[in-house]
N, C-alpha and C. Protein backbone atom coordinates (compact mmCIF):
# COMPACT_ATOMS: atom_id res chain seq x y z
N UNK A 1 -9.49 15.57 -6.92
CA UNK A 1 -9.36 14.20 -7.41
C UNK A 1 -8.09 13.56 -6.85
N UNK A 2 -8.18 12.33 -6.38
CA UNK A 2 -6.99 11.66 -5.86
C UNK A 2 -6.04 11.26 -6.99
N UNK A 3 -4.81 11.07 -6.61
CA UNK A 3 -3.76 10.69 -7.55
C UNK A 3 -2.81 9.75 -6.82
N UNK A 4 -2.58 8.55 -7.37
CA UNK A 4 -1.74 7.55 -6.73
C UNK A 4 -0.59 7.15 -7.64
N UNK A 5 0.52 6.77 -7.02
CA UNK A 5 1.59 6.09 -7.72
C UNK A 5 1.51 4.63 -7.30
N UNK A 6 1.22 3.76 -8.25
CA UNK A 6 1.07 2.34 -7.95
C UNK A 6 2.34 1.63 -8.39
N UNK A 7 3.02 0.98 -7.44
CA UNK A 7 4.23 0.22 -7.73
C UNK A 7 3.82 -1.24 -7.91
N UNK A 8 4.06 -1.77 -9.11
CA UNK A 8 3.69 -3.14 -9.44
C UNK A 8 4.95 -4.00 -9.48
N UNK A 9 5.05 -4.95 -8.56
CA UNK A 9 6.21 -5.85 -8.49
C UNK A 9 5.87 -7.18 -9.13
N UNK A 10 6.81 -7.70 -9.92
CA UNK A 10 6.64 -9.00 -10.56
C UNK A 10 7.59 -9.98 -9.90
N UNK A 11 7.07 -10.95 -9.12
CA UNK A 11 7.96 -11.88 -8.42
C UNK A 11 8.72 -12.82 -9.34
N UNK A 12 8.22 -13.04 -10.56
CA UNK A 12 8.91 -13.93 -11.49
C UNK A 12 10.20 -13.33 -12.01
N UNK A 13 10.16 -12.03 -12.35
CA UNK A 13 11.35 -11.38 -12.90
C UNK A 13 12.12 -10.61 -11.85
N UNK A 14 11.48 -10.28 -10.72
CA UNK A 14 12.14 -9.51 -9.67
C UNK A 14 12.17 -8.03 -9.97
N UNK A 15 11.43 -7.59 -10.98
CA UNK A 15 11.42 -6.18 -11.36
C UNK A 15 10.13 -5.51 -10.92
N UNK A 16 10.19 -4.20 -10.79
CA UNK A 16 9.01 -3.42 -10.41
C UNK A 16 8.87 -2.24 -11.35
N UNK A 17 7.63 -1.84 -11.58
CA UNK A 17 7.38 -0.65 -12.38
C UNK A 17 6.37 0.23 -11.67
N UNK A 18 6.46 1.52 -11.95
CA UNK A 18 5.60 2.49 -11.30
C UNK A 18 4.62 3.06 -12.31
N UNK A 19 3.34 3.08 -11.93
CA UNK A 19 2.28 3.58 -12.81
C UNK A 19 1.52 4.67 -12.06
N UNK A 20 1.27 5.80 -12.72
CA UNK A 20 0.45 6.86 -12.10
C UNK A 20 -1.01 6.64 -12.45
N UNK A 21 -1.85 6.72 -11.43
CA UNK A 21 -3.29 6.53 -11.61
C UNK A 21 -3.98 7.80 -11.16
N UNK A 22 -4.84 8.36 -12.05
CA UNK A 22 -5.53 9.61 -11.76
C UNK A 22 -7.01 9.48 -12.07
N UNK A 23 -7.77 10.43 -11.58
CA UNK A 23 -9.18 10.56 -11.94
C UNK A 23 -10.07 9.42 -11.50
N UNK A 24 -10.90 8.95 -12.44
CA UNK A 24 -11.90 7.92 -12.17
C UNK A 24 -11.27 6.61 -11.72
N UNK A 25 -10.14 6.24 -12.31
CA UNK A 25 -9.45 5.01 -11.92
C UNK A 25 -8.97 5.08 -10.48
N UNK A 26 -8.47 6.24 -10.07
CA UNK A 26 -7.99 6.42 -8.70
C UNK A 26 -9.14 6.33 -7.69
N UNK A 27 -10.31 6.83 -8.06
CA UNK A 27 -11.47 6.77 -7.16
C UNK A 27 -11.88 5.32 -6.89
N UNK A 28 -11.67 4.43 -7.86
CA UNK A 28 -12.03 3.03 -7.68
C UNK A 28 -11.11 2.31 -6.69
N UNK A 29 -9.91 2.84 -6.46
CA UNK A 29 -8.97 2.22 -5.52
C UNK A 29 -9.26 2.58 -4.06
N UNK A 30 -9.95 3.70 -3.85
CA UNK A 30 -10.24 4.16 -2.49
C UNK A 30 -11.18 3.16 -1.80
N UNK A 31 -10.83 2.79 -0.58
CA UNK A 31 -11.63 1.85 0.19
C UNK A 31 -11.06 0.44 0.22
N UNK A 32 -10.14 0.13 -0.69
CA UNK A 32 -9.51 -1.20 -0.67
C UNK A 32 -8.52 -1.26 0.49
N UNK A 33 -8.27 -2.48 0.96
CA UNK A 33 -7.39 -2.68 2.11
C UNK A 33 -6.17 -3.49 1.71
N UNK A 34 -5.17 -3.47 2.59
CA UNK A 34 -3.98 -4.30 2.38
C UNK A 34 -4.42 -5.76 2.39
N UNK A 35 -3.99 -6.52 1.39
CA UNK A 35 -4.37 -7.92 1.26
C UNK A 35 -5.45 -8.15 0.23
N UNK A 36 -6.16 -7.10 -0.19
CA UNK A 36 -7.19 -7.24 -1.22
C UNK A 36 -6.55 -7.51 -2.58
N UNK A 37 -7.22 -8.32 -3.38
CA UNK A 37 -6.77 -8.59 -4.75
C UNK A 37 -7.65 -7.79 -5.68
N UNK A 38 -7.02 -6.96 -6.53
CA UNK A 38 -7.75 -6.10 -7.45
C UNK A 38 -7.42 -6.48 -8.89
N UNK A 39 -8.25 -6.05 -9.80
CA UNK A 39 -8.02 -6.29 -11.22
C UNK A 39 -6.98 -5.31 -11.75
N UNK A 40 -6.07 -5.77 -12.57
CA UNK A 40 -5.02 -4.93 -13.12
C UNK A 40 -5.52 -3.88 -14.08
N UNK A 41 -6.75 -4.06 -14.59
CA UNK A 41 -7.32 -3.07 -15.51
C UNK A 41 -7.52 -1.72 -14.81
N UNK A 42 -7.63 -1.72 -13.49
CA UNK A 42 -7.77 -0.46 -12.74
C UNK A 42 -6.54 0.42 -12.88
N UNK A 43 -5.38 -0.19 -13.09
CA UNK A 43 -4.13 0.57 -13.18
C UNK A 43 -3.50 0.47 -14.57
N UNK A 44 -4.27 0.02 -15.56
CA UNK A 44 -3.77 -0.04 -16.92
C UNK A 44 -3.02 -1.31 -17.27
N UNK A 45 -3.24 -2.39 -16.51
CA UNK A 45 -2.61 -3.69 -16.76
C UNK A 45 -3.69 -4.76 -16.87
N UNK A 46 -4.42 -4.81 -17.99
CA UNK A 46 -5.50 -5.80 -18.11
C UNK A 46 -4.94 -7.23 -18.16
N UNK A 47 -5.71 -8.17 -17.63
CA UNK A 47 -5.31 -9.57 -17.62
C UNK A 47 -4.41 -9.95 -16.47
N UNK A 48 -4.27 -9.07 -15.47
CA UNK A 48 -3.39 -9.32 -14.33
C UNK A 48 -4.18 -9.08 -13.05
N UNK A 49 -3.95 -9.92 -12.05
CA UNK A 49 -4.52 -9.72 -10.72
C UNK A 49 -3.42 -9.20 -9.81
N UNK A 50 -3.71 -8.13 -9.06
CA UNK A 50 -2.72 -7.49 -8.19
C UNK A 50 -3.17 -7.58 -6.73
N UNK A 51 -2.24 -7.91 -5.86
CA UNK A 51 -2.51 -7.94 -4.43
C UNK A 51 -1.88 -6.71 -3.80
N UNK A 52 -2.66 -5.96 -3.02
CA UNK A 52 -2.16 -4.77 -2.33
C UNK A 52 -1.33 -5.22 -1.14
N UNK A 53 -0.06 -4.78 -1.09
CA UNK A 53 0.83 -5.20 0.00
C UNK A 53 1.18 -4.07 0.95
N UNK A 54 0.85 -2.84 0.60
CA UNK A 54 1.16 -1.73 1.48
C UNK A 54 1.09 -0.40 0.75
N UNK A 55 1.71 0.62 1.35
CA UNK A 55 1.71 1.94 0.75
C UNK A 55 2.24 2.95 1.75
N UNK A 56 2.18 4.23 1.34
CA UNK A 56 2.64 5.29 2.23
C UNK A 56 1.85 6.56 1.97
N UNK A 57 1.84 7.43 2.97
CA UNK A 57 1.08 8.67 2.92
C UNK A 57 1.92 9.84 2.43
N UNK A 58 1.35 11.02 2.53
CA UNK A 58 2.01 12.24 2.03
C UNK A 58 3.31 12.54 2.75
N UNK A 59 3.38 12.27 4.04
CA UNK A 59 4.58 12.57 4.82
C UNK A 59 5.54 11.39 4.87
N UNK A 60 5.24 10.31 4.12
CA UNK A 60 6.11 9.15 4.09
C UNK A 60 5.78 8.10 5.12
N UNK A 61 4.71 8.29 5.86
CA UNK A 61 4.35 7.32 6.90
C UNK A 61 3.81 6.05 6.25
N UNK A 62 4.27 4.88 6.70
CA UNK A 62 3.86 3.62 6.07
C UNK A 62 2.47 3.16 6.51
N UNK A 63 1.84 2.37 5.67
CA UNK A 63 0.58 1.73 6.02
C UNK A 63 0.89 0.44 6.77
N UNK A 64 0.06 0.13 7.77
CA UNK A 64 0.23 -1.11 8.53
C UNK A 64 -1.01 -1.98 8.37
N UNK A 65 -0.82 -3.27 8.11
CA UNK A 65 -1.98 -4.14 7.91
C UNK A 65 -2.78 -4.43 9.17
N UNK A 66 -2.21 -4.20 10.35
CA UNK A 66 -2.91 -4.53 11.59
C UNK A 66 -3.67 -3.36 12.21
N UNK A 67 -3.67 -2.19 11.56
CA UNK A 67 -4.42 -1.03 12.07
C UNK A 67 -5.61 -0.81 11.14
N UNK A 68 -6.84 -1.01 11.62
CA UNK A 68 -8.01 -0.91 10.75
C UNK A 68 -8.34 0.54 10.37
N UNK A 69 -8.90 0.68 9.18
CA UNK A 69 -9.40 1.97 8.73
C UNK A 69 -8.35 2.85 8.07
N UNK A 70 -8.78 4.02 7.59
CA UNK A 70 -7.87 4.94 6.92
C UNK A 70 -7.19 5.94 7.85
N UNK A 71 -7.27 5.68 9.15
CA UNK A 71 -6.75 6.65 10.13
C UNK A 71 -5.22 6.64 10.18
N UNK A 72 -4.69 7.66 10.85
CA UNK A 72 -3.26 7.74 11.07
C UNK A 72 -3.04 8.22 12.50
N UNK A 73 -1.88 7.88 13.04
CA UNK A 73 -1.61 8.30 14.41
C UNK A 73 -0.35 7.64 14.95
N UNK A 74 -0.09 7.91 16.21
CA UNK A 74 1.07 7.34 16.89
C UNK A 74 0.65 6.03 17.55
N UNK A 75 1.36 4.96 17.21
CA UNK A 75 1.05 3.64 17.75
C UNK A 75 2.33 3.02 18.31
N UNK A 76 2.18 2.20 19.33
CA UNK A 76 3.31 1.51 19.93
C UNK A 76 3.65 0.30 19.08
N UNK A 77 4.83 0.32 18.44
CA UNK A 77 5.24 -0.73 17.51
C UNK A 77 6.41 -1.53 18.06
N UNK A 78 6.43 -2.81 17.71
CA UNK A 78 7.54 -3.66 18.12
C UNK A 78 8.23 -4.30 16.91
N UNK A 79 7.78 -3.95 15.70
CA UNK A 79 8.40 -4.51 14.50
C UNK A 79 7.88 -3.84 13.25
N UNK A 80 8.43 -4.24 12.10
CA UNK A 80 8.07 -3.61 10.84
C UNK A 80 6.64 -3.93 10.43
N UNK A 81 6.03 -3.15 9.54
CA UNK A 81 6.56 -1.94 8.90
C UNK A 81 6.42 -0.71 9.79
N UNK A 82 7.32 0.21 9.62
CA UNK A 82 7.29 1.46 10.37
C UNK A 82 8.32 1.57 11.45
N UNK A 83 8.82 0.44 11.95
CA UNK A 83 9.83 0.47 13.00
C UNK A 83 10.64 -0.83 12.97
N UNK A 84 11.94 -0.69 12.93
CA UNK A 84 12.85 -1.83 12.97
C UNK A 84 13.68 -1.70 14.25
N UNK A 85 13.33 -2.46 15.31
CA UNK A 85 14.02 -2.30 16.59
C UNK A 85 15.48 -2.75 16.51
N UNK A 86 16.39 -1.97 17.11
CA UNK A 86 17.80 -2.35 17.09
C UNK A 86 18.11 -3.55 17.98
N UNK A 87 17.27 -3.78 19.00
CA UNK A 87 17.45 -4.92 19.89
C UNK A 87 16.12 -5.64 20.06
N UNK A 88 16.19 -6.93 20.33
CA UNK A 88 14.99 -7.72 20.51
C UNK A 88 14.21 -7.23 21.73
N UNK A 89 12.90 -7.10 21.56
CA UNK A 89 12.05 -6.70 22.67
C UNK A 89 11.79 -5.20 22.77
N UNK A 90 12.51 -4.39 22.00
CA UNK A 90 12.32 -2.93 22.06
C UNK A 90 11.02 -2.55 21.37
N UNK A 91 10.35 -1.55 21.95
CA UNK A 91 9.13 -1.00 21.35
C UNK A 91 9.25 0.51 21.31
N UNK A 92 8.55 1.13 20.36
CA UNK A 92 8.61 2.58 20.23
C UNK A 92 7.31 3.09 19.63
N UNK A 93 6.92 4.27 20.05
CA UNK A 93 5.72 4.90 19.50
C UNK A 93 6.10 5.63 18.21
N UNK A 94 5.47 5.21 17.08
CA UNK A 94 5.79 5.78 15.78
C UNK A 94 4.51 6.21 15.08
N UNK A 95 4.66 7.14 14.10
CA UNK A 95 3.54 7.67 13.35
C UNK A 95 3.31 6.81 12.10
N UNK A 96 2.16 6.12 12.03
CA UNK A 96 1.85 5.24 10.90
C UNK A 96 0.39 5.42 10.48
N UNK A 97 0.01 4.77 9.38
CA UNK A 97 -1.34 4.82 8.83
C UNK A 97 -2.04 3.48 8.97
N UNK A 98 -3.34 3.49 8.80
CA UNK A 98 -4.14 2.27 8.82
C UNK A 98 -4.04 1.50 7.52
N UNK A 99 -4.82 0.42 7.41
CA UNK A 99 -4.69 -0.48 6.27
C UNK A 99 -5.61 -0.18 5.10
N UNK A 100 -6.37 0.91 5.15
CA UNK A 100 -7.34 1.23 4.10
C UNK A 100 -6.86 2.41 3.27
N UNK A 101 -7.01 2.29 1.95
CA UNK A 101 -6.58 3.35 1.04
C UNK A 101 -7.57 4.51 1.10
N UNK A 102 -7.04 5.71 1.29
CA UNK A 102 -7.85 6.93 1.30
C UNK A 102 -7.20 7.94 0.35
N UNK A 103 -7.76 9.14 0.30
CA UNK A 103 -7.22 10.17 -0.59
C UNK A 103 -5.86 10.68 -0.14
N UNK A 104 -5.49 10.45 1.12
CA UNK A 104 -4.21 10.92 1.64
C UNK A 104 -3.04 10.01 1.29
N UNK A 105 -3.32 8.86 0.72
CA UNK A 105 -2.26 7.93 0.32
C UNK A 105 -1.64 8.43 -0.98
N UNK A 106 -0.31 8.33 -1.08
CA UNK A 106 0.40 8.76 -2.28
C UNK A 106 0.88 7.56 -3.09
N UNK A 107 1.41 6.55 -2.39
CA UNK A 107 1.96 5.38 -3.06
C UNK A 107 1.27 4.11 -2.60
N UNK A 108 0.96 3.23 -3.55
CA UNK A 108 0.33 1.95 -3.25
C UNK A 108 1.26 0.86 -3.79
N UNK A 109 1.68 -0.06 -2.94
CA UNK A 109 2.53 -1.16 -3.36
C UNK A 109 1.69 -2.38 -3.66
N UNK A 110 1.95 -3.01 -4.81
CA UNK A 110 1.21 -4.21 -5.21
C UNK A 110 2.18 -5.25 -5.74
N UNK A 111 1.70 -6.49 -5.78
CA UNK A 111 2.48 -7.59 -6.35
C UNK A 111 1.55 -8.39 -7.26
N UNK A 112 2.09 -8.89 -8.37
CA UNK A 112 1.31 -9.68 -9.31
C UNK A 112 1.12 -11.07 -8.73
N UNK A 113 -0.16 -11.50 -8.60
CA UNK A 113 -0.44 -12.83 -8.07
C UNK A 113 -0.95 -13.77 -9.16
N UNK A 114 -1.45 -13.22 -10.25
CA UNK A 114 -1.99 -14.05 -11.33
C UNK A 114 -1.91 -13.26 -12.62
N UNK A 115 -1.35 -13.88 -13.65
CA UNK A 115 -1.32 -13.23 -14.95
C UNK A 115 -1.76 -14.23 -16.01
N UNK A 116 -2.41 -13.71 -17.06
CA UNK A 116 -2.91 -14.60 -18.11
C UNK A 116 -2.06 -14.54 -19.35
C-alpha cells in the first residue's frame, strides 16, 4: 500500500502543515498530475480544494511539471525545479521525476486554492 506525506500550504496565513495519507486514500491520489485540483477530503481536509504543485521521490528527486508520466531519469535542465544554475545559460543533466504521482512518490506538495 502506498503512503504519502502531503504538505498543505495556506497562502493566506503563509503556514504549511503536513498530513500522512495511507491506504485507500493514498490509492486515490495515484495518477494525478502537477496542476490538478483535488478535493481536500482525500487528505482529511473537507471543504477545501487543493492544487498539486510538486513533490519528491524516495531518493529526494523532485517532480517536474514538464516531464510527462511517472517516469524518472536524467534530463538536461536549465532551471528549477531540480537545478539552479550558478550562471545564466548553464545547463546540467540531473536526476528528476515526471509530473504524475505514482507509488514511488513520498511527498506531495499542495496549496489551498479554495476554502469554504
